Amino acid sequence: MKLIELFLKGGPVMWPILALSVIGLAILAWRALEFRAGRRDGRGLTVVSTIITAEPMLGILGTVTGIIRTFSSIGAAGGAANPLAATAGIGEALITTAGGLVASLVLLFPYNLLADKVEEK
């Protein structure tokens, strides 16, 4: 499965996760360039810290929306158990959870490295 297909199967909550990741990576790249130039202040790092905290929460929100979708599809079928109807919602739940965790972890390690450099100053 291609990455874009996986992203789209994660449902609508994947979009804010992606947006926050891009913002967080941009801030980290900016701060890394500033640090290399000798400017070691912590501007922007609070935003990255907030993004690192928010992304797993968005993943959990995607889990909830995916489970809601699963139960809605079961309810629309008159309560009859149809495993195929449930798989899309469960897949959305799992993909979004993983997406939020991975996005957060990608930012966490460079954030800690840069935050440590600010404290050394």
PDB file of N, CA and C in Angstrom:
ATOM      1  N   MET A   1       0.846  -1.174   0.000  1.00  0.00           N
ATOM      2  CA  MET A   1       0.000   0.000   0.000  1.00  0.00           C
ATOM      3  C   MET A   1       0.895   1.242   0.000  1.00  0.00           C
ATOM      4  N   LYS A   2       0.578   2.171  -0.874  1.00  0.00           N
ATOM      5  CA  LYS A   2       1.345   3.407  -0.969  1.00  0.00           C
ATOM      6  C   LYS A   2       1.042   4.309   0.229  1.00  0.00           C
ATOM      7  N   LEU A   3       1.991   5.163   0.535  1.00  0.00           N
ATOM      8  CA  LEU A   3       1.856   6.045   1.692  1.00  0.00           C
ATOM      9  C   LEU A   3       0.637   6.955   1.561  1.00  0.00           C
ATOM     10  N   ILE A   4       0.387   7.476   0.378  1.00  0.00           N
ATOM     11  CA  ILE A   4      -0.765   8.371   0.194  1.00  0.00           C
ATOM     12  C   ILE A   4      -2.080   7.619   0.407  1.00  0.00           C
ATOM     13  N   GLU A   5      -2.140   6.364  -0.026  1.00  0.00           N
ATOM     14  CA  GLU A   5      -3.349   5.550   0.193  1.00  0.00           C
ATOM     15  C   GLU A   5      -3.569   5.320   1.680  1.00  0.00           C
ATOM     16  N   LEU A   6      -2.496   5.016   2.369  1.00  0.00           N
ATOM     17  CA  LEU A   6      -2.582   4.808   3.817  1.00  0.00           C
ATOM     18  C   LEU A   6      -3.035   6.090   4.508  1.00  0.00           C
ATOM     19  N   PHE A   7      -2.470   7.211   4.099  1.00  0.00           N
ATOM     20  CA  PHE A   7      -2.851   8.505   4.664  1.00  0.00           C
ATOM     21  C   PHE A   7      -4.344   8.751   4.469  1.00  0.00           C
ATOM     22  N   LEU A   8      -4.837   8.551   3.277  1.00  0.00           N
ATOM     23  CA  LEU A   8      -6.250   8.806   2.981  1.00  0.00           C
ATOM     24  C   LEU A   8      -7.176   7.861   3.731  1.00  0.00           C
ATOM     25  N   LYS A   9      -6.742   6.631   3.956  1.00  0.00           N
ATOM     26  CA  LYS A   9      -7.559   5.677   4.719  1.00  0.00           C
ATOM     27  C   LYS A   9      -7.619   6.045   6.194  1.00  0.00           C
ATOM     28  N   GLY A  10      -6.721   6.919   6.630  1.00  0.00           N
ATOM     29  CA  GLY A  10      -6.727   7.367   8.020  1.00  0.00           C
ATOM     30  C   GLY A  10      -7.848   8.337   8.340  1.00  0.00           C
ATOM     31  N   GLY A  11      -8.541   8.817   7.329  1.00  0.00           N
ATOM     32  CA  GLY A  11      -9.688   9.683   7.572  1.00  0.00           C
ATOM     33  C   GLY A  11      -9.311  11.146   7.700  1.00  0.00           C
ATOM     34  N   PRO A  12     -10.310  11.966   8.000  1.00  0.00           N
ATOM     35  CA  PRO A  12     -10.106  13.419   7.999  1.00  0.00           C
ATOM     36  C   PRO A  12      -9.168  13.942   9.089  1.00  0.00           C
ATOM     37  N   VAL A  13      -8.983  13.215  10.148  1.00  0.00           N
ATOM     38  CA  VAL A  13      -8.113  13.696  11.234  1.00  0.00           C
ATOM     39  C   VAL A  13      -6.639  13.653  10.820  1.00  0.00           C
ATOM     40  N   MET A  14      -6.338  12.912   9.770  1.00  0.00           N
ATOM     41  CA  MET A  14      -4.954  12.865   9.293  1.00  0.00           C
ATOM     42  C   MET A  14      -4.495  14.220   8.759  1.00  0.00           C
ATOM     43  N   TRP A  15      -5.416  15.031   8.242  1.00  0.00           N
ATOM     44  CA  TRP A  15      -5.040  16.337   7.693  1.00  0.00           C
ATOM     45  C   TRP A  15      -4.468  17.283   8.735  1.00  0.00           C
ATOM     46  N   PRO A  16      -5.119  17.442   9.909  1.00  0.00           N
ATOM     47  CA  PRO A  16      -4.481  18.301  10.919  1.00  0.00           C
ATOM     48  C   PRO A  16      -3.172  17.716  11.442  1.00  0.00           C
ATOM     49  N   ILE A  17      -3.074  16.401  11.504  1.00  0.00           N
ATOM     50  CA  ILE A  17      -1.806  15.785  11.916  1.00  0.00           C
ATOM     51  C   ILE A  17      -0.717  16.151  10.919  1.00  0.00           C
ATOM     52  N   LEU A  18      -1.026  16.062   9.635  1.00  0.00           N
ATOM     53  CA  LEU A  18      -0.054  16.421   8.600  1.00  0.00           C
ATOM     54  C   LEU A  18       0.315  17.903   8.687  1.00  0.00           C
ATOM     55  N   ALA A  19      -0.685  18.756   8.824  1.00  0.00           N
ATOM     56  CA  ALA A  19      -0.424  20.200   8.893  1.00  0.00           C
ATOM     57  C   ALA A  19       0.475  20.538  10.076  1.00  0.00           C
ATOM     58  N   LEU A  20       0.172  19.974  11.226  1.00  0.00           N
ATOM     59  CA  LEU A  20       0.994  20.243  12.414  1.00  0.00           C
ATOM     60  C   LEU A  20       2.413  19.710  12.233  1.00  0.00           C
ATOM     61  N   SER A  21       2.549  18.571  11.580  1.00  0.00           N
ATOM     62  CA  SER A  21       3.876  18.009  11.341  1.00  0.00           C
ATOM     63  C   SER A  21       4.710  18.921  10.455  1.00  0.00           C
ATOM     64  N   VAL A  22       4.097  19.440   9.407  1.00  0.00           N
ATOM     65  CA  VAL A  22       4.810  20.342   8.501  1.00  0.00           C
ATOM     66  C   VAL A  22       5.236  21.602   9.250  1.00  0.00           C
ATOM     67  N   ILE A  23       4.329  22.151  10.036  1.00  0.00           N
ATOM     68  CA  ILE A  23       4.657  23.351  10.826  1.00  0.00           C
ATOM     69  C   ILE A  23       5.794  23.047  11.803  1.00  0.00           C
ATOM     70  N   GLY A  24       5.682  21.931  12.514  1.00  0.00           N
ATOM     71  CA  GLY A  24       6.715  21.560  13.483  1.00  0.00           C
ATOM     72  C   GLY A  24       8.068  21.339  12.833  1.00  0.00           C
ATOM     73  N   LEU A  25       8.087  20.643  11.692  1.00  0.00           N
ATOM     74  CA  LEU A  25       9.358  20.413  10.999  1.00  0.00           C
ATOM     75  C   LEU A  25       9.952  21.716  10.480  1.00  0.00           C
ATOM     76  N   ALA A  26       9.099  22.613   9.993  1.00  0.00           N
ATOM     77  CA  ALA A  26       9.586  23.901   9.507  1.00  0.00           C
ATOM     78  C   ALA A  26      10.216  24.708  10.644  1.00  0.00           C
ATOM     79  N   ILE A  27       9.569  24.717  11.791  1.00  0.00           N
ATOM     80  CA  ILE A  27      10.121  25.453  12.939  1.00  0.00           C
ATOM     81  C   ILE A  27      11.442  24.839  13.380  1.00  0.00           C
ATOM     82  N   LEU A  28      11.506  23.505  13.432  1.00  0.00           N
ATOM     83  CA  LEU A  28      12.744  22.849  13.848  1.00  0.00           C
ATOM     84  C   LEU A  28      13.879  23.121  12.862  1.00  0.00           C
ATOM     85  N   ALA A  29      13.576  23.105  11.571  1.00  0.00           N
ATOM     86  CA  ALA A  29      14.605  23.398  10.565  1.00  0.00           C
ATOM     87  C   ALA A  29      15.095  24.840  10.724  1.00  0.00           C
ATOM     88  N   TRP A  30      14.162  25.752  10.919  1.00  0.00           N
ATOM     89  CA  TRP A  30      14.508  27.166  11.124  1.00  0.00           C
ATOM     90  C   TRP A  30      15.399  27.330  12.354  1.00  0.00           C
ATOM     91  N   ARG A  31      15.000  26.689  13.457  1.00  0.00           N
ATOM     92  CA  ARG A  31      15.769  26.827  14.697  1.00  0.00           C
ATOM     93  C   ARG A  31      17.148  26.189  14.548  1.00  0.00           C
ATOM     94  N   ALA A  32      17.241  25.054  13.841  1.00  0.00           N
ATOM     95  CA  ALA A  32      18.538  24.406  13.636  1.00  0.00           C
ATOM     96  C   ALA A  32      19.471  25.313  12.846  1.00  0.00           C
ATOM     97  N   LEU A  33      18.947  25.969  11.822  1.00  0.00           N
ATOM     98  CA  LEU A  33      19.761  26.915  11.047  1.00  0.00           C
ATOM     99  C   LEU A  33      20.201  28.100  11.905  1.00  0.00           C
ATOM    100  N   GLU A  34      19.287  28.574  12.742  1.00  0.00           N
ATOM    101  CA  GLU A  34      19.628  29.687  13.649  1.00  0.00           C
ATOM    102  C   GLU A  34      20.708  29.255  14.651  1.00  0.00           C
ATOM    103  N   PHE A  35      20.599  28.036  15.153  1.00  0.00           N
ATOM    104  CA  PHE A  35      21.590  27.557  16.117  1.00  0.00           C
ATOM    105  C   PHE A  35      22.967  27.453  15.469  1.00  0.00           C
ATOM    106  N   ARG A  36      23.003  26.988  14.225  1.00  0.00           N
ATOM    107  CA  ARG A  36      24.282  26.877  13.519  1.00  0.00           C
ATOM    108  C   ARG A  36      24.899  28.250  13.302  1.00  0.00           C
ATOM    109  N   ALA A  37      24.056  29.264  13.183  1.00  0.00           N
ATOM    110  CA  ALA A  37      24.550  30.635  12.994  1.00  0.00           C
ATOM    111  C   ALA A  37      24.911  31.293  14.326  1.00  0.00           C
ATOM    112  N   GLY A  38      24.766  30.559  15.417  1.00  0.00           N
ATOM    113  CA  GLY A  38      25.145  31.082  16.720  1.00  0.00           C
ATOM    114  C   GLY A  38      24.029  31.735  17.506  1.00  0.00           C
ATOM    115  N   ARG A  39      22.825  31.743  16.973  1.00  0.00           N
ATOM    116  CA  ARG A  39      21.679  32.330  17.687  1.00  0.00           C
ATOM    117  C   ARG A  39      20.931  31.206  18.400  1.00  0.00           C
ATOM    118  N   ARG A  40      21.174  31.084  19.689  1.00  0.00           N
ATOM    119  CA  ARG A  40      20.649  29.937  20.439  1.00  0.00           C
ATOM    120  C   ARG A  40      19.542  30.320  21.405  1.00  0.00           C
ATOM    121  N   ASP A  41      18.517  30.960  20.901  1.00  0.00           N
ATOM    122  CA  ASP A  41      17.369  31.242  21.766  1.00  0.00           C
ATOM    123  C   ASP A  41      16.293  30.187  21.502  1.00  0.00           C
ATOM    124  N   GLY A  42      15.292  30.172  22.332  1.00  0.00           N
ATOM    125  CA  GLY A  42      14.275  29.131  22.264  1.00  0.00           C
ATOM    126  C   GLY A  42      13.018  29.497  21.503  1.00  0.00           C
ATOM    127  N   ARG A  43      13.086  30.550  20.684  1.00  0.00           N
ATOM    128  CA  ARG A  43      11.887  30.960  19.943  1.00  0.00           C
ATOM    129  C   ARG A  43      11.345  29.807  19.104  1.00  0.00           C
ATOM    130  N   GLY A  44      10.047  29.620  19.185  1.00  0.00           N
ATOM    131  CA  GLY A  44       9.371  28.603  18.382  1.00  0.00           C
ATOM    132  C   GLY A  44       9.318  27.228  19.017  1.00  0.00           C
ATOM    133  N   LEU A  45      10.174  26.973  19.989  1.00  0.00           N
ATOM    134  CA  LEU A  45      10.216  25.625  20.563  1.00  0.00           C
ATOM    135  C   LEU A  45       8.976  25.306  21.399  1.00  0.00           C
ATOM    136  N   THR A  46       8.340  26.315  21.971  1.00  0.00           N
ATOM    137  CA  THR A  46       7.097  26.072  22.707  1.00  0.00           C
ATOM    138  C   THR A  46       6.003  25.596  21.754  1.00  0.00           C
ATOM    139  N   VAL A  47       5.986  26.153  20.554  1.00  0.00           N
ATOM    140  CA  VAL A  47       5.009  25.719  19.550  1.00  0.00           C
ATOM    141  C   VAL A  47       5.256  24.258  19.191  1.00  0.00           C
ATOM    142  N   VAL A  48       6.521  23.898  18.994  1.00  0.00           N
ATOM    143  CA  VAL A  48       6.850  22.509  18.652  1.00  0.00           C
ATOM    144  C   VAL A  48       6.473  21.581  19.801  1.00  0.00           C
ATOM    145  N   SER A  49       6.728  21.993  21.011  1.00  0.00           N
ATOM    146  CA  SER A  49       6.350  21.187  22.171  1.00  0.00           C
ATOM    147  C   SER A  49       4.840  20.953  22.210  1.00  0.00           C
ATOM    148  N   THR A  50       4.080  21.983  21.898  1.00  0.00           N
ATOM    149  CA  THR A  50       2.622  21.859  21.859  1.00  0.00           C
ATOM    150  C   THR A  50       2.190  20.908  20.759  1.00  0.00           C
ATOM    151  N   ILE A  51       2.830  20.992  19.608  1.00  0.00           N
ATOM    152  CA  ILE A  51       2.512  20.092  18.496  1.00  0.00           C
ATOM    153  C   ILE A  51       2.819  18.648  18.881  1.00  0.00           C
ATOM    154  N   ILE A  52       3.953  18.431  19.532  1.00  0.00           N
ATOM    155  CA  ILE A  52       4.330  17.081  19.966  1.00  0.00           C
ATOM    156  C   ILE A  52       3.272  16.508  20.904  1.00  0.00           C
ATOM    157  N   THR A  53       2.702  17.342  21.749  1.00  0.00           N
ATOM    158  CA  THR A  53       1.652  16.899  22.667  1.00  0.00           C
ATOM    159  C   THR A  53       0.324  16.686  21.950  1.00  0.00           C
ATOM    160  N   ALA A  54       0.014  17.552  20.991  1.00  0.00           N
ATOM    161  CA  ALA A  54      -1.296  17.512  20.325  1.00  0.00           C
ATOM    162  C   ALA A  54      -1.427  16.362  19.330  1.00  0.00           C
ATOM    163  N   GLU A  55      -0.355  15.993  18.662  1.00  0.00           N
ATOM    164  CA  GLU A  55      -0.476  14.978  17.614  1.00  0.00           C
ATOM    165  C   GLU A  55      -0.977  13.622  18.116  1.00  0.00           C
ATOM    166  N   PRO A  56      -0.477  13.088  19.222  1.00  0.00           N
ATOM    167  CA  PRO A  56      -1.069  11.837  19.707  1.00  0.00           C
ATOM    168  C   PRO A  56      -2.537  11.995  20.105  1.00  0.00           C
ATOM    169  N   MET A  57      -2.890  13.176  20.631  1.00  0.00           N
ATOM    170  CA  MET A  57      -4.300  13.411  20.971  1.00  0.00           C
ATOM    171  C   MET A  57      -5.160  13.410  19.718  1.00  0.00           C
ATOM    172  N   LEU A  58      -4.659  13.992  18.644  1.00  0.00           N
ATOM    173  CA  LEU A  58      -5.386  13.933  17.381  1.00  0.00           C
ATOM    174  C   LEU A  58      -5.492  12.494  16.892  1.00  0.00           C
ATOM    175  N   GLY A  59      -4.446  11.705  17.109  1.00  0.00           N
ATOM    176  CA  GLY A  59      -4.512  10.279  16.767  1.00  0.00           C
ATOM    177  C   GLY A  59      -5.611   9.571  17.535  1.00  0.00           C
ATOM    178  N   ILE A  60      -5.748   9.900  18.800  1.00  0.00           N
ATOM    179  CA  ILE A  60      -6.823   9.309  19.604  1.00  0.00           C
ATOM    180  C   ILE A  60      -8.181   9.791  19.112  1.00  0.00           C
ATOM    181  N   LEU A  61      -8.276  11.058  18.729  1.00  0.00           N
ATOM    182  CA  LEU A  61      -9.515  11.558  18.140  1.00  0.00           C
ATOM    183  C   LEU A  61      -9.866  10.769  16.877  1.00  0.00           C
ATOM    184  N   GLY A  62      -8.866  10.481  16.064  1.00  0.00           N
ATOM    185  CA  GLY A  62      -9.091   9.650  14.879  1.00  0.00           C
ATOM    186  C   GLY A  62      -9.548   8.249  15.245  1.00  0.00           C
ATOM    187  N   THR A  63      -9.057   7.729  16.355  1.00  0.00           N
ATOM    188  CA  THR A  63      -9.519   6.428  16.838  1.00  0.00           C
ATOM    189  C   THR A  63     -11.005   6.488  17.160  1.00  0.00           C
ATOM    190  N   VAL A  64     -11.396   7.533  17.853  1.00  0.00           N
ATOM    191  CA  VAL A  64     -12.807   7.696  18.227  1.00  0.00           C
ATOM    192  C   VAL A  64     -13.679   7.839  16.984  1.00  0.00           C
ATOM    193  N   THR A  65     -13.253   8.688  16.035  1.00  0.00           N
ATOM    194  CA  THR A  65     -14.076   8.865  14.832  1.00  0.00           C
ATOM    195  C   THR A  65     -14.139   7.583  14.007  1.00  0.00           C
ATOM    196  N   GLY A  66     -13.051   6.831  13.982  1.00  0.00           N
ATOM    197  CA  GLY A  66     -13.059   5.549  13.274  1.00  0.00           C
ATOM    198  C   GLY A  66     -13.997   4.542  13.913  1.00  0.00           C
ATOM    199  N   ILE A  67     -14.013   4.478  15.228  1.00  0.00           N
ATOM    200  CA  ILE A  67     -14.918   3.563  15.929  1.00  0.00           C
ATOM    201  C   ILE A  67     -16.367   4.015  15.748  1.00  0.00           C
ATOM    202  N   ILE A  68     -16.602   5.319  15.774  1.00  0.00           N
ATOM    203  CA  ILE A  68     -17.952   5.830  15.508  1.00  0.00           C
ATOM    204  C   ILE A  68     -18.390   5.411  14.113  1.00  0.00           C
ATOM    205  N   ARG A  69     -17.475   5.543  13.157  1.00  0.00           N
ATOM    206  CA  ARG A  69     -17.788   5.128  11.783  1.00  0.00           C
ATOM    207  C   ARG A  69     -18.108   3.642  11.721  1.00  0.00           C
ATOM    208  N   THR A  70     -17.368   2.841  12.466  1.00  0.00           N
ATOM    209  CA  THR A  70     -17.623   1.397  12.494  1.00  0.00           C
ATOM    210  C   THR A  70     -19.013   1.105  13.027  1.00  0.00           C
ATOM    211  N   PHE A  71     -19.364   1.693  14.157  1.00  0.00           N
ATOM    212  CA  PHE A  71     -20.679   1.438  14.733  1.00  0.00           C
ATOM    213  C   PHE A  71     -21.802   2.012  13.881  1.00  0.00           C
ATOM    214  N   SER A  72     -21.542   3.117  13.209  1.00  0.00           N
ATOM    215  CA  SER A  72     -22.549   3.680  12.307  1.00  0.00           C
ATOM    216  C   SER A  72     -22.826   2.736  11.142  1.00  0.00           C
ATOM    217  N   SER A  73     -21.768   2.126  10.614  1.00  0.00           N
ATOM    218  CA  SER A  73     -21.969   1.200   9.498  1.00  0.00           C
ATOM    219  C   SER A  73     -22.699  -0.053   9.955  1.00  0.00           C
ATOM    220  N   ILE A  74     -22.447  -0.485  11.173  1.00  0.00           N
ATOM    221  CA  ILE A  74     -23.169  -1.646  11.712  1.00  0.00           C
ATOM    222  C   ILE A  74     -24.625  -1.275  11.951  1.00  0.00           C
ATOM    223  N   GLY A  75     -24.843  -0.054  12.490  1.00  0.00           N
ATOM    224  CA  GLY A  75     -26.217   0.402  12.727  1.00  0.00           C
ATOM    225  C   GLY A  75     -26.985   0.570  11.431  1.00  0.00           C
ATOM    226  N   ALA A  76     -26.318   1.051  10.378  1.00  0.00           N
ATOM    227  CA  ALA A  76     -26.983   1.242   9.086  1.00  0.00           C
ATOM    228  C   ALA A  76     -27.382  -0.086   8.470  1.00  0.00           C
ATOM    229  N   ALA A  77     -26.687  -1.133   8.844  1.00  0.00           N
ATOM    230  CA  ALA A  77     -27.005  -2.465   8.323  1.00  0.00           C
ATOM    231  C   ALA A  77     -28.073  -3.135   9.184  1.00  0.00           C
ATOM    232  N   GLY A  78     -28.729  -2.370  10.035  1.00  0.00           N
ATOM    233  CA  GLY A  78     -29.780  -2.932  10.877  1.00  0.00           C
ATOM    234  C   GLY A  78     -29.253  -3.754  12.029  1.00  0.00           C
ATOM    235  N   GLY A  79     -28.023  -3.516  12.415  1.00  0.00           N
ATOM    236  CA  GLY A  79     -27.427  -4.242  13.535  1.00  0.00           C
ATOM    237  C   GLY A  79     -26.859  -5.579  13.140  1.00  0.00           C
ATOM    238  N   ALA A  80     -26.993  -5.953  11.866  1.00  0.00           N
ATOM    239  CA  ALA A  80     -26.447  -7.231  11.414  1.00  0.00           C
ATOM    240  C   ALA A  80     -24.924  -7.143  11.389  1.00  0.00           C
ATOM    241  N   ALA A  81     -24.286  -8.174  11.826  1.00  0.00           N
ATOM    242  CA  ALA A  81     -22.827  -8.194  11.864  1.00  0.00           C
ATOM    243  C   ALA A  81     -22.285  -8.393  10.448  1.00  0.00           C
ATOM    244  N   ASN A  82     -21.631  -7.370   9.927  1.00  0.00           N
ATOM    245  CA  ASN A  82     -20.987  -7.444   8.619  1.00  0.00           C
ATOM    246  C   ASN A  82     -19.532  -7.022   8.804  1.00  0.00           C
ATOM    247  N   PRO A  83     -18.655  -8.006   8.886  1.00  0.00           N
ATOM    248  CA  PRO A  83     -17.254  -7.677   9.165  1.00  0.00           C
ATOM    249  C   PRO A  83     -16.645  -6.720   8.134  1.00  0.00           C
ATOM    250  N   LEU A  84     -17.038  -6.833   6.893  1.00  0.00           N
ATOM    251  CA  LEU A  84     -16.480  -5.953   5.868  1.00  0.00           C
ATOM    252  C   LEU A  84     -16.881  -4.503   6.078  1.00  0.00           C
ATOM    253  N   ALA A  85     -18.090  -4.279   6.562  1.00  0.00           N
ATOM    254  CA  ALA A  85     -18.553  -2.913   6.822  1.00  0.00           C
ATOM    255  C   ALA A  85     -17.773  -2.286   7.970  1.00  0.00           C
ATOM    256  N   ALA A  86     -17.313  -3.094   8.885  1.00  0.00           N
ATOM    257  CA  ALA A  86     -16.602  -2.583  10.053  1.00  0.00           C
ATOM    258  C   ALA A  86     -15.121  -2.327   9.787  1.00  0.00           C
ATOM    259  N   THR A  87     -14.559  -2.958   8.778  1.00  0.00           N
ATOM    260  CA  THR A  87     -13.103  -2.870   8.598  1.00  0.00           C
ATOM    261  C   THR A  87     -12.615  -1.468   8.251  1.00  0.00           C
ATOM    262  N   ALA A  88     -13.369  -0.702   7.475  1.00  0.00           N
ATOM    263  CA  ALA A  88     -12.911   0.642   7.108  1.00  0.00           C
ATOM    264  C   ALA A  88     -12.782   1.528   8.339  1.00  0.00           C
ATOM    265  N   GLY A  89     -13.771   1.471   9.219  1.00  0.00           N
ATOM    266  CA  GLY A  89     -13.721   2.291  10.427  1.00  0.00           C
ATOM    267  C   GLY A  89     -12.622   1.871  11.381  1.00  0.00           C
ATOM    268  N   ILE A  90     -12.431   0.575  11.512  1.00  0.00           N
ATOM    269  CA  ILE A  90     -11.363   0.083  12.388  1.00  0.00           C
ATOM    270  C   ILE A  90     -10.006   0.436  11.791  1.00  0.00           C
ATOM    271  N   GLY A  91      -9.887   0.303  10.472  1.00  0.00           N
ATOM    272  CA  GLY A  91      -8.645   0.691   9.810  1.00  0.00           C
ATOM    273  C   GLY A  91      -8.341   2.164  10.012  1.00  0.00           C
ATOM    274  N   GLU A  92      -9.364   3.001   9.861  1.00  0.00           N
ATOM    275  CA  GLU A  92      -9.205   4.445  10.090  1.00  0.00           C
ATOM    276  C   GLU A  92      -8.720   4.695  11.511  1.00  0.00           C
ATOM    277  N   ALA A  93      -9.304   4.004  12.471  1.00  0.00           N
ATOM    278  CA  ALA A  93      -8.921   4.189  13.871  1.00  0.00           C
ATOM    279  C   ALA A  93      -7.449   3.849  14.095  1.00  0.00           C
ATOM    280  N   LEU A  94      -7.023   2.726  13.561  1.00  0.00           N
ATOM    281  CA  LEU A  94      -5.645   2.289  13.778  1.00  0.00           C
ATOM    282  C   LEU A  94      -4.637   3.155  13.021  1.00  0.00           C
ATOM    283  N   ILE A  95      -4.961   3.499  11.796  1.00  0.00           N
ATOM    284  CA  ILE A  95      -4.050   4.314  10.987  1.00  0.00           C
ATOM    285  C   ILE A  95      -3.868   5.690  11.614  1.00  0.00           C
ATOM    286  N   THR A  96      -4.952   6.299  12.064  1.00  0.00           N
ATOM    287  CA  THR A  96      -4.859   7.634  12.642  1.00  0.00           C
ATOM    288  C   THR A  96      -4.082   7.610  13.962  1.00  0.00           C
ATOM    289  N   THR A  97      -4.292   6.589  14.757  1.00  0.00           N
ATOM    290  CA  THR A  97      -3.533   6.461  16.004  1.00  0.00           C
ATOM    291  C   THR A  97      -2.045   6.357  15.701  1.00  0.00           C
ATOM    292  N   ALA A  98      -1.698   5.481  14.776  1.00  0.00           N
ATOM    293  CA  ALA A  98      -0.291   5.328  14.402  1.00  0.00           C
ATOM    294  C   ALA A  98       0.258   6.622  13.806  1.00  0.00           C
ATOM    295  N   GLY A  99      -0.530   7.274  12.974  1.00  0.00           N
ATOM    296  CA  GLY A  99      -0.087   8.527  12.362  1.00  0.00           C
ATOM    297  C   GLY A  99       0.241   9.593  13.397  1.00  0.00           C
ATOM    298  N   GLY A 100      -0.621   9.738  14.386  1.00  0.00           N
ATOM    299  CA  GLY A 100      -0.381  10.722  15.440  1.00  0.00           C
ATOM    300  C   GLY A 100       0.858  10.409  16.256  1.00  0.00           C
ATOM    301  N   LEU A 101       1.055   9.133  16.549  1.00  0.00           N
ATOM    302  CA  LEU A 101       2.229   8.742  17.332  1.00  0.00           C
ATOM    303  C   LEU A 101       3.522   8.926  16.544  1.00  0.00           C
ATOM    304  N   VAL A 102       3.519   8.485  15.289  1.00  0.00           N
ATOM    305  CA  VAL A 102       4.722   8.604  14.461  1.00  0.00           C
ATOM    306  C   VAL A 102       5.071  10.075  14.239  1.00  0.00           C
ATOM    307  N   ALA A 103       4.068  10.887  13.919  1.00  0.00           N
ATOM    308  CA  ALA A 103       4.312  12.307  13.686  1.00  0.00           C
ATOM    309  C   ALA A 103       4.914  12.961  14.928  1.00  0.00           C
ATOM    310  N   SER A 104       4.419  12.604  16.077  1.00  0.00           N
ATOM    311  CA  SER A 104       4.925  13.168  17.325  1.00  0.00           C
ATOM    312  C   SER A 104       6.365  12.732  17.578  1.00  0.00           C
ATOM    313  N   LEU A 105       6.647  11.463  17.344  1.00  0.00           N
ATOM    314  CA  LEU A 105       7.997  10.953  17.576  1.00  0.00           C
ATOM    315  C   LEU A 105       9.019  11.559  16.625  1.00  0.00           C
ATOM    316  N   VAL A 106       8.617  11.815  15.390  1.00  0.00           N
ATOM    317  CA  VAL A 106       9.525  12.421  14.417  1.00  0.00           C
ATOM    318  C   VAL A 106       9.976  13.799  14.905  1.00  0.00           C
ATOM    319  N   LEU A 107       9.096  14.526  15.568  1.00  0.00           N
ATOM    320  CA  LEU A 107       9.441  15.854  16.080  1.00  0.00           C
ATOM    321  C   LEU A 107      10.137  15.807  17.443  1.00  0.00           C
ATOM    322  N   LEU A 108       9.838  14.785  18.222  1.00  0.00           N
ATOM    323  CA  LEU A 108      10.299  14.738  19.608  1.00  0.00           C
ATOM    324  C   LEU A 108      11.822  14.753  19.738  1.00  0.00           C
ATOM    325  N   PHE A 109      12.513  13.939  18.978  1.00  0.00           N
ATOM    326  CA  PHE A 109      13.954  13.811  19.159  1.00  0.00           C
ATOM    327  C   PHE A 109      14.719  15.063  18.722  1.00  0.00           C
ATOM    328  N   PRO A 110      14.433  15.640  17.542  1.00  0.00           N
ATOM    329  CA  PRO A 110      15.128  16.894  17.229  1.00  0.00           C
ATOM    330  C   PRO A 110      14.732  18.042  18.161  1.00  0.00           C
ATOM    331  N   TYR A 111      13.479  18.032  18.624  1.00  0.00           N
ATOM    332  CA  TYR A 111      13.054  19.068  19.578  1.00  0.00           C
ATOM    333  C   TYR A 111      13.904  18.990  20.845  1.00  0.00           C
ATOM    334  N   ASN A 112      14.057  17.786  21.386  1.00  0.00           N
ATOM    335  CA  ASN A 112      14.834  17.636  22.626  1.00  0.00           C
ATOM    336  C   ASN A 112      16.290  18.038  22.420  1.00  0.00           C
ATOM    337  N   LEU A 113      16.840  17.727  21.267  1.00  0.00           N
ATOM    338  CA  LEU A 113      18.214  18.120  20.969  1.00  0.00           C
ATOM    339  C   LEU A 113      18.365  19.634  20.961  1.00  0.00           C
ATOM    340  N   LEU A 114      17.423  20.319  20.285  1.00  0.00           N
ATOM    341  CA  LEU A 114      17.492  21.782  20.221  1.00  0.00           C
ATOM    342  C   LEU A 114      17.187  22.424  21.567  1.00  0.00           C
ATOM    343  N   ALA A 115      16.212  21.877  22.282  1.00  0.00           N
ATOM    344  CA  ALA A 115      15.872  22.438  23.600  1.00  0.00           C
ATOM    345  C   ALA A 115      17.049  22.296  24.558  1.00  0.00           C
ATOM    346  N   ASP A 116      17.796  21.202  24.447  1.00  0.00           N
ATOM    347  CA  ASP A 116      18.973  21.000  25.283  1.00  0.00           C
ATOM    348  C   ASP A 116      20.041  22.033  24.963  1.00  0.00           C
ATOM    349  N   LYS A 117      20.182  22.377  23.696  1.00  0.00           N
ATOM    350  CA  LYS A 117      21.186  23.395  23.301  1.00  0.00           C
ATOM    351  C   LYS A 117      20.823  24.767  23.845  1.00  0.00           C
ATOM    352  N   VAL A 118      19.520  25.062  23.916  1.00  0.00           N
ATOM    353  CA  VAL A 118      19.077  26.341  24.471  1.00  0.00           C
ATOM    354  C   VAL A 118      19.415  26.398  25.951  1.00  0.00           C
ATOM    355  N   GLU A 119      19.226  25.277  26.665  1.00  0.00           N
ATOM    356  CA  GLU A 119      19.509  25.239  28.092  1.00  0.00           C
ATOM    357  C   GLU A 119      20.997  25.344  28.383  1.00  0.00           C
ATOM    358  N   GLU A 120      21.841  24.850  27.457  1.00  0.00           N
ATOM    359  CA  GLU A 120      23.300  24.914  27.648  1.00  0.00           C
ATOM    360  C   GLU A 120      23.816  26.346  27.590  1.00  0.00           C
ATOM    361  N   LYS A 121      23.114  27.192  26.888  1.00  0.00           N
ATOM    362  CA  LYS A 121      23.514  28.586  26.644  1.00  0.00           C
ATOM    363  C   LYS A 121      23.836  29.343  27.886  1.00  0.00           C
TER     364      LYS A 121
END
